[in-house]
Amino acid sequence: MRVLLAGASGAVGRPLTRQLIAAGHQVVGISRSQSNAERLRTAGAEAVVADVMNRENLLGALKDVRADAVVHELTALGTTKMGEALQGTNALRTTGTANLLAAARAVGAHRFVTQSIVLGYGYRDHGPRVISEDDPFAEPVGGKLGEAVAAIRATEEQVFAADEIEGVALRYGFFYGQDRMTDMIVNLVRKRRLPVPSGGGYANFIYLQDAAAATVAALEKGRAGQAYNIVDDEPVRWADYLDTLAAAFGARRPWRVPSWMLRPIPYAHAMMTTSMRVSNAKAKRELGWAPAVPTYRDGIPLIARASR
């Protein structure tokens, strides 16, 4: 397939570009800068320079491009302060998705894979039950977290409702690997500036290369109108994840604090106290995919070795 990839220079986009090319697909990466466009060309992809948030600019840049599929991997996370990053990511999931659907029609694409996230199930303690794609997404509520859930829902709803487009949504867990967000967390852990409230809730992670591999599989095999949870095989408490990260980098383990102490940092409080155990069984069954890095215990040593 000829694939138009938005976010080709991002955390998932870089390994995804390599894996798509290795699988025999042609990649046309969208970049906001000439420097990133040149890096994409060096990696064997074609590249166009455009701003996905500006529909006129985007469609103009794509006027001579044809593609069979569009993959939306854009977020603003790890690029700026968290509050601004969340707002930017919300916009990319709402307006950005709408603009990329217009681009899909313009280039003749018939498939569209969009990035989603398991946090769409809701920022809360989901208890011990295992969450599957049959579980509903949370209803949006007020505040910044409600806005985030609404944006996550919006990207999926737009893609599933698009005429003459086979839409697939990938509900990723938390990314980790060789990326800026992981580097930021490692830096906070080293400085003991990332306390954990009473062990923290259960979180679901996915190694970046595994996220990319799942995306290739979804592009090739995903059923239209379906969502897939893309997480590894073992949900983990934040305390265990961060303790393992600290040990791998020779740092002391994070402080344990009562959860109320994180309330002045609302997003950190919500992340650390949200607890969910998410199943990847559907992705394994329908996409023929399984994580090569099945747990955080396998992935964190890879990060530590790569940093030396």
C-alpha atoms as a PDB file:
ATOM      1  CA  MET A   1       0.000   0.000   0.000  1.00  0.00           C
ATOM      2  CA  ARG A   2       0.920   3.614  -0.429  1.00  0.00           C
ATOM      3  CA  VAL A   3       0.528   5.143   3.041  1.00  0.00           C
ATOM      4  CA  LEU A   4       0.162   8.807   3.970  1.00  0.00           C
ATOM      5  CA  LEU A   5       1.579   9.026   7.494  1.00  0.00           C
ATOM      6  CA  ALA A   6       0.816  12.010   9.719  1.00  0.00           C
ATOM      7  CA  GLY A   7       3.230  12.141  12.638  1.00  0.00           C
ATOM      8  CA  ALA A   8       5.979  10.356  10.732  1.00  0.00           C
ATOM      9  CA  SER A   9       8.674  12.145  12.749  1.00  0.00           C
ATOM     10  CA  GLY A  10       7.111  11.362  16.127  1.00  0.00           C
ATOM     11  CA  ALA A  11       7.749   8.688  18.736  1.00  0.00           C
ATOM     12  CA  VAL A  12       5.660   6.035  16.961  1.00  0.00           C
ATOM     13  CA  GLY A  13       6.073   7.500  13.497  1.00  0.00           C
ATOM     14  CA  ARG A  14       9.815   6.890  13.286  1.00  0.00           C
ATOM     15  CA  PRO A  15       9.741   3.125  13.943  1.00  0.00           C
ATOM     16  CA  LEU A  16       6.467   2.884  12.020  1.00  0.00           C
ATOM     17  CA  THR A  17       8.066   4.420   8.925  1.00  0.00           C
ATOM     18  CA  ARG A  18      10.868   1.865   9.081  1.00  0.00           C
ATOM     19  CA  GLN A  19       8.509  -1.054   9.631  1.00  0.00           C
ATOM     20  CA  LEU A  20       6.110  -0.020   6.864  1.00  0.00           C
ATOM     21  CA  ILE A  21       8.971   0.229   4.374  1.00  0.00           C
ATOM     22  CA  ALA A  22      10.358  -3.127   5.549  1.00  0.00           C
ATOM     23  CA  ALA A  23       6.905  -4.664   4.976  1.00  0.00           C
ATOM     24  CA  GLY A  24       6.903  -3.445   1.371  1.00  0.00           C
ATOM     25  CA  HIS A  25       4.697  -0.370   1.730  1.00  0.00           C
ATOM     26  CA  GLN A  26       5.464   3.067   0.338  1.00  0.00           C
ATOM     27  CA  VAL A  27       5.380   5.885   2.898  1.00  0.00           C
ATOM     28  CA  VAL A  28       4.590   9.543   2.315  1.00  0.00           C
ATOM     29  CA  GLY A  29       5.302  11.301   5.596  1.00  0.00           C
ATOM     30  CA  ILE A  30       3.754  14.622   6.575  1.00  0.00           C
ATOM     31  CA  SER A  31       6.137  16.932   8.410  1.00  0.00           C
ATOM     32  CA  ARG A  32       5.881  20.519   9.597  1.00  0.00           C
ATOM     33  CA  SER A  33       9.580  21.193   8.960  1.00  0.00           C
ATOM     34  CA  GLN A  34      11.973  20.780   6.065  1.00  0.00           C
ATOM     35  CA  SER A  35      14.584  19.257   8.382  1.00  0.00           C
ATOM     36  CA  ASN A  36      12.261  16.438   9.437  1.00  0.00           C
ATOM     37  CA  ALA A  37      11.165  15.988   5.835  1.00  0.00           C
ATOM     38  CA  GLU A  38      14.802  15.449   4.858  1.00  0.00           C
ATOM     39  CA  ARG A  39      15.205  12.866   7.623  1.00  0.00           C
ATOM     40  CA  LEU A  40      12.181  11.001   6.273  1.00  0.00           C
ATOM     41  CA  ARG A  41      13.635  10.997   2.772  1.00  0.00           C
ATOM     42  CA  THR A  42      16.929   9.695   4.144  1.00  0.00           C
ATOM     43  CA  ALA A  43      14.967   6.864   5.803  1.00  0.00           C
ATOM     44  CA  GLY A  44      13.504   5.880   2.434  1.00  0.00           C
ATOM     45  CA  ALA A  45      10.151   7.652   2.610  1.00  0.00           C
ATOM     46  CA  GLU A  46       8.697  10.444   0.541  1.00  0.00           C
ATOM     47  CA  ALA A  47       7.802  13.599   2.442  1.00  0.00           C
ATOM     48  CA  VAL A  48       5.573  16.640   2.207  1.00  0.00           C
ATOM     49  CA  VAL A  49       5.795  19.718   4.410  1.00  0.00           C
ATOM     50  CA  ALA A  50       2.389  20.773   5.732  1.00  0.00           C
ATOM     51  CA  ASP A  51       0.476  21.844   8.836  1.00  0.00           C
ATOM     52  CA  VAL A  52      -2.282  19.331   9.562  1.00  0.00           C
ATOM     53  CA  MET A  53      -4.144  21.951  11.600  1.00  0.00           C
ATOM     54  CA  ASN A  54      -4.430  24.186   8.524  1.00  0.00           C
ATOM     55  CA  ARG A  55      -6.749  22.423   6.077  1.00  0.00           C
ATOM     56  CA  GLU A  56      -6.020  24.710   3.128  1.00  0.00           C
ATOM     57  CA  ASN A  57      -2.277  24.347   3.622  1.00  0.00           C
ATOM     58  CA  LEU A  58      -2.561  20.570   4.031  1.00  0.00           C
ATOM     59  CA  LEU A  59      -4.690  19.984   0.943  1.00  0.00           C
ATOM     60  CA  GLY A  60      -2.487  22.291  -1.105  1.00  0.00           C
ATOM     61  CA  ALA A  61       0.627  20.350  -0.115  1.00  0.00           C
ATOM     62  CA  LEU A  62      -1.069  17.079  -1.102  1.00  0.00           C
ATOM     63  CA  LYS A  63      -2.483  18.185  -4.464  1.00  0.00           C
ATOM     64  CA  ASP A  64      -0.164  15.857  -6.419  1.00  0.00           C
ATOM     65  CA  VAL A  65      -0.148  12.997  -3.881  1.00  0.00           C
ATOM     66  CA  ARG A  66      -2.045   9.715  -4.170  1.00  0.00           C
ATOM     67  CA  ALA A  67      -2.328   7.147  -1.369  1.00  0.00           C
ATOM     68  CA  ASP A  68      -4.275   4.020  -0.457  1.00  0.00           C
ATOM     69  CA  ALA A  69      -4.378   4.674   3.282  1.00  0.00           C
ATOM     70  CA  VAL A  70      -3.867   7.383   5.889  1.00  0.00           C
ATOM     71  CA  VAL A  71      -2.376   6.781   9.339  1.00  0.00           C
ATOM     72  CA  HIS A  72      -2.878   9.458  12.023  1.00  0.00           C
ATOM     73  CA  GLU A  73      -0.122   9.342  14.671  1.00  0.00           C
ATOM     74  CA  LEU A  74      -0.036  12.999  15.690  1.00  0.00           C
ATOM     75  CA  THR A  75       0.077  14.160  19.299  1.00  0.00           C
ATOM     76  CA  ALA A  76       1.658  17.138  21.025  1.00  0.00           C
ATOM     77  CA  LEU A  77       2.780  15.130  24.068  1.00  0.00           C
ATOM     78  CA  GLY A  78       6.427  15.484  25.007  1.00  0.00           C
ATOM     79  CA  THR A  79       6.808  18.636  22.921  1.00  0.00           C
ATOM     80  CA  THR A  80       5.867  21.321  25.445  1.00  0.00           C
ATOM     81  CA  LYS A  81       4.444  21.813  28.940  1.00  0.00           C
ATOM     82  CA  MET A  82       1.826  19.222  29.888  1.00  0.00           C
ATOM     83  CA  GLY A  83      -1.153  21.582  29.956  1.00  0.00           C
ATOM     84  CA  GLU A  84      -0.317  22.999  26.542  1.00  0.00           C
ATOM     85  CA  ALA A  85       0.474  19.518  25.222  1.00  0.00           C
ATOM     86  CA  LEU A  86      -2.939  18.211  26.276  1.00  0.00           C
ATOM     87  CA  GLN A  87      -4.709  21.101  24.568  1.00  0.00           C
ATOM     88  CA  GLY A  88      -2.625  20.614  21.443  1.00  0.00           C
ATOM     89  CA  THR A  89      -3.302  16.885  21.396  1.00  0.00           C
ATOM     90  CA  ASN A  90      -7.034  17.459  21.855  1.00  0.00           C
ATOM     91  CA  ALA A  91      -6.997  19.739  18.812  1.00  0.00           C
ATOM     92  CA  LEU A  92      -5.094  17.167  16.764  1.00  0.00           C
ATOM     93  CA  ARG A  93      -7.691  14.543  17.689  1.00  0.00           C
ATOM     94  CA  THR A  94     -10.636  16.768  16.747  1.00  0.00           C
ATOM     95  CA  THR A  95      -9.726  19.314  14.070  1.00  0.00           C
ATOM     96  CA  GLY A  96      -6.640  17.368  13.015  1.00  0.00           C
ATOM     97  CA  THR A  97      -8.644  14.193  12.420  1.00  0.00           C
ATOM     98  CA  ALA A  98     -11.246  16.112  10.405  1.00  0.00           C
ATOM     99  CA  ASN A  99      -8.530  17.660   8.248  1.00  0.00           C
ATOM    100  CA  LEU A 100      -6.817  14.314   7.698  1.00  0.00           C
ATOM    101  CA  LEU A 101     -10.117  12.741   6.655  1.00  0.00           C
ATOM    102  CA  ALA A 102     -10.448  15.521   4.081  1.00  0.00           C
ATOM    103  CA  ALA A 103      -6.894  14.723   3.007  1.00  0.00           C
ATOM    104  CA  ALA A 104      -7.757  11.023   2.740  1.00  0.00           C
ATOM    105  CA  ARG A 105     -10.550  11.821   0.302  1.00  0.00           C
ATOM    106  CA  ALA A 106      -8.298  14.173  -1.653  1.00  0.00           C
ATOM    107  CA  VAL A 107      -5.556  11.577  -2.154  1.00  0.00           C
ATOM    108  CA  GLY A 108      -7.988   8.728  -2.882  1.00  0.00           C
ATOM    109  CA  ALA A 109      -7.369   6.716   0.292  1.00  0.00           C
ATOM    110  CA  HIS A 110      -9.864   4.045   1.316  1.00  0.00           C
ATOM    111  CA  ARG A 111      -8.405   3.120   4.718  1.00  0.00           C
ATOM    112  CA  PHE A 112      -7.740   5.294   7.763  1.00  0.00           C
ATOM    113  CA  VAL A 113      -6.022   4.185  10.971  1.00  0.00           C
ATOM    114  CA  THR A 114      -6.184   6.634  13.868  1.00  0.00           C
ATOM    115  CA  GLN A 115      -4.339   6.701  17.164  1.00  0.00           C
ATOM    116  CA  SER A 116      -6.520   6.524  20.247  1.00  0.00           C
ATOM    117  CA  ILE A 117      -5.652   5.646  23.845  1.00  0.00           C
ATOM    118  CA  VAL A 118      -6.957   3.371  26.585  1.00  0.00           C
ATOM    119  CA  LEU A 119      -7.572   6.406  28.801  1.00  0.00           C
ATOM    120  CA  GLY A 120     -10.729   6.861  26.756  1.00  0.00           C
ATOM    121  CA  TYR A 121     -12.272   4.249  29.066  1.00  0.00           C
ATOM    122  CA  GLY A 122     -12.118   6.900  31.763  1.00  0.00           C
ATOM    123  CA  TYR A 123      -9.800   8.456  34.334  1.00  0.00           C
ATOM    124  CA  ARG A 124     -10.913   6.449  37.376  1.00  0.00           C
ATOM    125  CA  ASP A 125     -10.348   3.226  39.286  1.00  0.00           C
ATOM    126  CA  HIS A 126     -11.916   0.487  37.167  1.00  0.00           C
ATOM    127  CA  GLY A 127     -11.346  -2.184  39.801  1.00  0.00           C
ATOM    128  CA  PRO A 128     -10.047  -5.712  39.139  1.00  0.00           C
ATOM    129  CA  ARG A 129     -12.133  -6.514  36.048  1.00  0.00           C
ATOM    130  CA  VAL A 130     -10.368  -6.775  32.699  1.00  0.00           C
ATOM    131  CA  ILE A 131     -11.358  -4.134  30.137  1.00  0.00           C
ATOM    132  CA  SER A 132     -11.946  -5.132  26.522  1.00  0.00           C
ATOM    133  CA  GLU A 133     -13.091  -3.274  23.419  1.00  0.00           C
ATOM    134  CA  ASP A 134     -16.665  -4.280  24.291  1.00  0.00           C
ATOM    135  CA  ASP A 135     -16.540  -1.872  27.232  1.00  0.00           C
ATOM    136  CA  PRO A 136     -17.855   1.619  26.473  1.00  0.00           C
ATOM    137  CA  PHE A 137     -15.713   4.699  26.481  1.00  0.00           C
ATOM    138  CA  ALA A 138     -16.343   7.119  29.321  1.00  0.00           C
ATOM    139  CA  GLU A 139     -18.862   9.892  28.915  1.00  0.00           C
ATOM    140  CA  PRO A 140     -17.110  13.277  28.842  1.00  0.00           C
ATOM    141  CA  VAL A 141     -17.360  15.327  32.013  1.00  0.00           C
ATOM    142  CA  GLY A 142     -16.210  18.839  32.849  1.00  0.00           C
ATOM    143  CA  GLY A 143     -12.655  20.057  33.205  1.00  0.00           C
ATOM    144  CA  LYS A 144      -9.459  19.261  31.343  1.00  0.00           C
ATOM    145  CA  LEU A 145      -9.796  15.492  31.758  1.00  0.00           C
ATOM    146  CA  GLY A 146     -13.302  15.626  30.350  1.00  0.00           C
ATOM    147  CA  GLU A 147     -11.989  17.578  27.380  1.00  0.00           C
ATOM    148  CA  ALA A 148      -9.317  14.918  26.841  1.00  0.00           C
ATOM    149  CA  VAL A 149     -11.869  12.071  26.891  1.00  0.00           C
ATOM    150  CA  ALA A 150     -14.139  13.997  24.517  1.00  0.00           C
ATOM    151  CA  ALA A 151     -11.246  14.438  22.084  1.00  0.00           C
ATOM    152  CA  ILE A 152     -10.331  10.742  22.254  1.00  0.00           C
ATOM    153  CA  ARG A 153     -13.939   9.838  21.492  1.00  0.00           C
ATOM    154  CA  ALA A 154     -14.054  12.404  18.687  1.00  0.00           C
ATOM    155  CA  THR A 155     -11.178  10.943  16.686  1.00  0.00           C
ATOM    156  CA  GLU A 156     -12.743   7.477  16.753  1.00  0.00           C
ATOM    157  CA  GLU A 157     -16.270   8.670  16.010  1.00  0.00           C
ATOM    158  CA  GLN A 158     -15.151  10.759  13.037  1.00  0.00           C
ATOM    159  CA  VAL A 159     -13.153   7.927  11.505  1.00  0.00           C
ATOM    160  CA  PHE A 160     -15.873   5.311  11.998  1.00  0.00           C
ATOM    161  CA  ALA A 161     -18.544   7.609  10.539  1.00  0.00           C
ATOM    162  CA  ALA A 162     -16.573   8.679   7.452  1.00  0.00           C
ATOM    163  CA  ASP A 163     -18.195   7.735   4.146  1.00  0.00           C
ATOM    164  CA  GLU A 164     -16.278   5.363   1.875  1.00  0.00           C
ATOM    165  CA  ILE A 165     -13.446   5.067   4.401  1.00  0.00           C
ATOM    166  CA  GLU A 166     -12.527   1.869   6.243  1.00  0.00           C
ATOM    167  CA  GLY A 167     -11.764   3.288   9.673  1.00  0.00           C
ATOM    168  CA  VAL A 168      -9.738   1.539  12.385  1.00  0.00           C
ATOM    169  CA  ALA A 169      -8.834   2.932  15.831  1.00  0.00           C
ATOM    170  CA  LEU A 170      -5.870   1.798  17.912  1.00  0.00           C
ATOM    171  CA  ARG A 171      -6.270   2.335  21.641  1.00  0.00           C
ATOM    172  CA  TYR A 172      -2.649   2.425  22.697  1.00  0.00           C
ATOM    173  CA  GLY A 173      -1.345   2.036  26.207  1.00  0.00           C
ATOM    174  CA  PHE A 174       1.342   4.368  27.544  1.00  0.00           C
ATOM    175  CA  PHE A 175       4.313   4.488  25.182  1.00  0.00           C
ATOM    176  CA  TYR A 176       7.822   3.872  26.428  1.00  0.00           C
ATOM    177  CA  GLY A 177      11.113   3.412  24.631  1.00  0.00           C
ATOM    178  CA  GLN A 178      13.671   5.721  23.057  1.00  0.00           C
ATOM    179  CA  ASP A 179      11.551   8.882  23.024  1.00  0.00           C
ATOM    180  CA  ARG A 180      11.348  12.275  24.692  1.00  0.00           C
ATOM    181  CA  MET A 181       8.513  11.360  27.053  1.00  0.00           C
ATOM    182  CA  THR A 182      10.409   8.373  28.452  1.00  0.00           C
ATOM    183  CA  ASP A 183      13.541  10.520  28.761  1.00  0.00           C
ATOM    184  CA  MET A 184      11.533  13.096  30.715  1.00  0.00           C
ATOM    185  CA  ILE A 185      10.172  10.447  33.098  1.00  0.00           C
ATOM    186  CA  VAL A 186      13.647   8.965  33.614  1.00  0.00           C
ATOM    187  CA  ASN A 187      14.976  12.429  34.429  1.00  0.00           C
ATOM    188  CA  LEU A 188      12.200  13.007  36.985  1.00  0.00           C
ATOM    189  CA  VAL A 189      12.826   9.593  38.564  1.00  0.00           C
ATOM    190  CA  ARG A 190      16.552  10.276  38.842  1.00  0.00           C
ATOM    191  CA  LYS A 191      15.804  13.540  40.643  1.00  0.00           C
ATOM    192  CA  ARG A 192      13.116  11.862  42.807  1.00  0.00           C
ATOM    193  CA  ARG A 193      10.595  14.382  41.531  1.00  0.00           C
ATOM    194  CA  LEU A 194       7.937  11.829  40.556  1.00  0.00           C
ATOM    195  CA  PRO A 195       6.305  10.589  43.777  1.00  0.00           C
ATOM    196  CA  VAL A 196       3.826   7.709  43.721  1.00  0.00           C
ATOM    197  CA  PRO A 197       0.557   7.880  45.667  1.00  0.00           C
ATOM    198  CA  SER A 198       0.201   4.729  47.794  1.00  0.00           C
ATOM    199  CA  GLY A 199       1.558   2.466  45.074  1.00  0.00           C
ATOM    200  CA  GLY A 200      -0.569   4.011  42.354  1.00  0.00           C
ATOM    201  CA  GLY A 201      -3.165   2.409  40.134  1.00  0.00           C
ATOM    202  CA  TYR A 202      -2.647  -0.202  37.433  1.00  0.00           C
ATOM    203  CA  ALA A 203      -1.382   1.189  34.117  1.00  0.00           C
ATOM    204  CA  ASN A 204      -0.998  -0.400  30.679  1.00  0.00           C
ATOM    205  CA  PHE A 205       2.176   0.149  28.670  1.00  0.00           C
ATOM    206  CA  ILE A 206       3.351  -0.645  25.153  1.00  0.00           C
ATOM    207  CA  TYR A 207       6.914  -0.547  23.859  1.00  0.00           C
ATOM    208  CA  LEU A 208       7.238   1.827  20.908  1.00  0.00           C
ATOM    209  CA  GLN A 209       8.407  -0.770  18.403  1.00  0.00           C
ATOM    210  CA  ASP A 210       5.498  -3.012  19.402  1.00  0.00           C
ATOM    211  CA  ALA A 211       3.068  -0.123  18.921  1.00  0.00           C
ATOM    212  CA  ALA A 212       4.483   0.385  15.438  1.00  0.00           C
ATOM    213  CA  ALA A 213       4.203  -3.325  14.615  1.00  0.00           C
ATOM    214  CA  ALA A 214       0.578  -3.362  15.761  1.00  0.00           C
ATOM    215  CA  THR A 215      -0.117  -0.368  13.531  1.00  0.00           C
ATOM    216  CA  VAL A 216       1.279  -2.148  10.478  1.00  0.00           C
ATOM    217  CA  ALA A 217      -0.876  -5.174  11.328  1.00  0.00           C
ATOM    218  CA  ALA A 218      -3.975  -3.002  11.769  1.00  0.00           C
ATOM    219  CA  LEU A 219      -3.353  -1.270   8.460  1.00  0.00           C
ATOM    220  CA  GLU A 220      -3.144  -4.624   6.700  1.00  0.00           C
ATOM    221  CA  LYS A 221      -5.697  -6.699   8.633  1.00  0.00           C
ATOM    222  CA  GLY A 222      -7.850  -4.488  10.864  1.00  0.00           C
ATOM    223  CA  ARG A 223     -11.596  -4.714  10.348  1.00  0.00           C
ATOM    224  CA  ALA A 224     -13.383  -1.542   9.312  1.00  0.00           C
ATOM    225  CA  GLY A 225     -15.244   0.137  12.155  1.00  0.00           C
ATOM    226  CA  GLN A 226     -13.265  -1.673  14.837  1.00  0.00           C
ATOM    227  CA  ALA A 227     -11.088  -0.517  17.721  1.00  0.00           C
ATOM    228  CA  TYR A 228      -8.175  -2.526  19.100  1.00  0.00           C
ATOM    229  CA  ASN A 229      -6.444  -2.242  22.474  1.00  0.00           C
ATOM    230  CA  ILE A 230      -2.698  -2.092  21.831  1.00  0.00           C
ATOM    231  CA  VAL A 231      -1.086  -2.846  25.184  1.00  0.00           C
ATOM    232  CA  ASP A 232       1.475  -5.337  26.415  1.00  0.00           C
ATOM    233  CA  ASP A 233       0.685  -8.520  28.321  1.00  0.00           C
ATOM    234  CA  GLU A 234       0.864  -7.281  31.906  1.00  0.00           C
ATOM    235  CA  PRO A 235      -0.782  -4.278  33.556  1.00  0.00           C
ATOM    236  CA  VAL A 236       1.507  -2.883  36.236  1.00  0.00           C
ATOM    237  CA  ARG A 237       1.172  -0.610  39.223  1.00  0.00           C
ATOM    238  CA  TRP A 238       2.881   2.723  38.774  1.00  0.00           C
ATOM    239  CA  ALA A 239       5.029   2.025  41.836  1.00  0.00           C
ATOM    240  CA  ASP A 240       6.395  -1.203  40.356  1.00  0.00           C
ATOM    241  CA  TYR A 241       7.011   0.373  36.957  1.00  0.00           C
ATOM    242  CA  LEU A 242       8.829   3.390  38.369  1.00  0.00           C
ATOM    243  CA  ASP A 243      10.794   1.320  40.907  1.00  0.00           C
ATOM    244  CA  THR A 244      12.028  -0.899  38.058  1.00  0.00           C
ATOM    245  CA  LEU A 245      12.896   2.172  36.003  1.00  0.00           C
ATOM    246  CA  ALA A 246      14.808   3.691  38.924  1.00  0.00           C
ATOM    247  CA  ALA A 247      16.770   0.486  39.523  1.00  0.00           C
ATOM    248  CA  ALA A 248      17.689   0.198  35.834  1.00  0.00           C
ATOM    249  CA  PHE A 249      19.144   3.714  35.880  1.00  0.00           C
ATOM    250  CA  GLY A 250      20.848   3.430  39.268  1.00  0.00           C
ATOM    251  CA  ALA A 251      18.469   5.833  40.995  1.00  0.00           C
ATOM    252  CA  ARG A 252      16.671   5.599  44.307  1.00  0.00           C
ATOM    253  CA  ARG A 253      13.069   4.495  44.163  1.00  0.00           C
ATOM    254  CA  PRO A 254      10.391   7.217  44.020  1.00  0.00           C
ATOM    255  CA  TRP A 255       8.898   8.640  47.185  1.00  0.00           C
ATOM    256  CA  ARG A 256       5.587   7.190  48.408  1.00  0.00           C
ATOM    257  CA  VAL A 257       3.061   9.870  49.308  1.00  0.00           C
ATOM    258  CA  PRO A 258      -0.661  10.024  50.133  1.00  0.00           C
ATOM    259  CA  SER A 259      -2.692  10.585  46.968  1.00  0.00           C
ATOM    260  CA  TRP A 260      -4.025  13.926  48.201  1.00  0.00           C
ATOM    261  CA  MET A 261      -0.514  15.369  48.035  1.00  0.00           C
ATOM    262  CA  LEU A 262      -0.639  15.177  44.226  1.00  0.00           C
ATOM    263  CA  ARG A 263      -3.903  17.095  43.908  1.00  0.00           C
ATOM    264  CA  PRO A 264      -2.092  20.402  43.267  1.00  0.00           C
ATOM    265  CA  ILE A 265      -0.811  18.674  40.080  1.00  0.00           C
ATOM    266  CA  PRO A 266      -4.187  17.558  38.664  1.00  0.00           C
ATOM    267  CA  TYR A 267      -2.995  15.579  35.648  1.00  0.00           C
ATOM    268  CA  ALA A 268      -0.345  13.658  37.598  1.00  0.00           C
ATOM    269  CA  HIS A 269      -2.931  12.906  40.284  1.00  0.00           C
ATOM    270  CA  ALA A 270      -5.424  11.639  37.698  1.00  0.00           C
ATOM    271  CA  MET A 271      -2.828   9.486  35.925  1.00  0.00           C
ATOM    272  CA  MET A 272      -1.442   7.923  39.081  1.00  0.00           C
ATOM    273  CA  THR A 273      -4.828   7.178  40.653  1.00  0.00           C
ATOM    274  CA  THR A 274      -6.502   5.865  37.490  1.00  0.00           C
ATOM    275  CA  SER A 275      -6.404   2.077  37.548  1.00  0.00           C
ATOM    276  CA  MET A 276      -7.333  -0.287  34.731  1.00  0.00           C
ATOM    277  CA  ARG A 277      -6.354  -3.712  33.445  1.00  0.00           C
ATOM    278  CA  VAL A 278      -6.750  -3.769  29.669  1.00  0.00           C
ATOM    279  CA  SER A 279      -6.855  -6.866  27.457  1.00  0.00           C
ATOM    280  CA  ASN A 280      -4.981  -7.150  24.151  1.00  0.00           C
ATOM    281  CA  ALA A 281      -6.705 -10.440  23.205  1.00  0.00           C
ATOM    282  CA  LYS A 282      -8.685  -8.975  20.300  1.00  0.00           C
ATOM    283  CA  ALA A 283      -5.583  -7.489  18.671  1.00  0.00           C
ATOM    284  CA  LYS A 284      -3.760 -10.797  19.030  1.00  0.00           C
ATOM    285  CA  ARG A 285      -6.694 -12.739  17.618  1.00  0.00           C
ATOM    286  CA  GLU A 286      -7.670 -10.503  14.703  1.00  0.00           C
ATOM    287  CA  LEU A 287      -4.409  -8.804  13.756  1.00  0.00           C
ATOM    288  CA  GLY A 288      -2.061 -11.738  14.288  1.00  0.00           C
ATOM    289  CA  TRP A 289       0.042  -9.436  16.457  1.00  0.00           C
ATOM    290  CA  ALA A 290       1.704  -9.986  19.819  1.00  0.00           C
ATOM    291  CA  PRO A 291       4.144  -7.728  21.667  1.00  0.00           C
ATOM    292  CA  ALA A 292       7.772  -8.727  21.186  1.00  0.00           C
ATOM    293  CA  VAL A 293       8.408  -6.925  24.492  1.00  0.00           C
ATOM    294  CA  PRO A 294       5.658  -8.522  26.585  1.00  0.00           C
ATOM    295  CA  THR A 295       6.140  -6.689  29.897  1.00  0.00           C
ATOM    296  CA  TYR A 296       7.813  -3.645  31.414  1.00  0.00           C
ATOM    297  CA  ARG A 297      10.379  -6.001  32.965  1.00  0.00           C
ATOM    298  CA  ASP A 298      11.551  -6.843  29.440  1.00  0.00           C
ATOM    299  CA  GLY A 299      11.350  -3.306  28.055  1.00  0.00           C
ATOM    300  CA  ILE A 300      12.969  -1.169  30.733  1.00  0.00           C
ATOM    301  CA  PRO A 301      16.378  -2.921  30.457  1.00  0.00           C
ATOM    302  CA  LEU A 302      16.296  -2.212  26.705  1.00  0.00           C
ATOM    303  CA  ILE A 303      15.831   1.500  27.411  1.00  0.00           C
ATOM    304  CA  ALA A 304      18.634   1.524  29.972  1.00  0.00           C
ATOM    305  CA  ARG A 305      21.066  -0.254  27.639  1.00  0.00           C
ATOM    306  CA  ALA A 306      20.237   2.106  24.768  1.00  0.00           C
ATOM    307  CA  SER A 307      20.994   5.128  26.966  1.00  0.00           C
ATOM    308  CA  ARG A 308      24.534   4.044  27.805  1.00  0.00           C
END
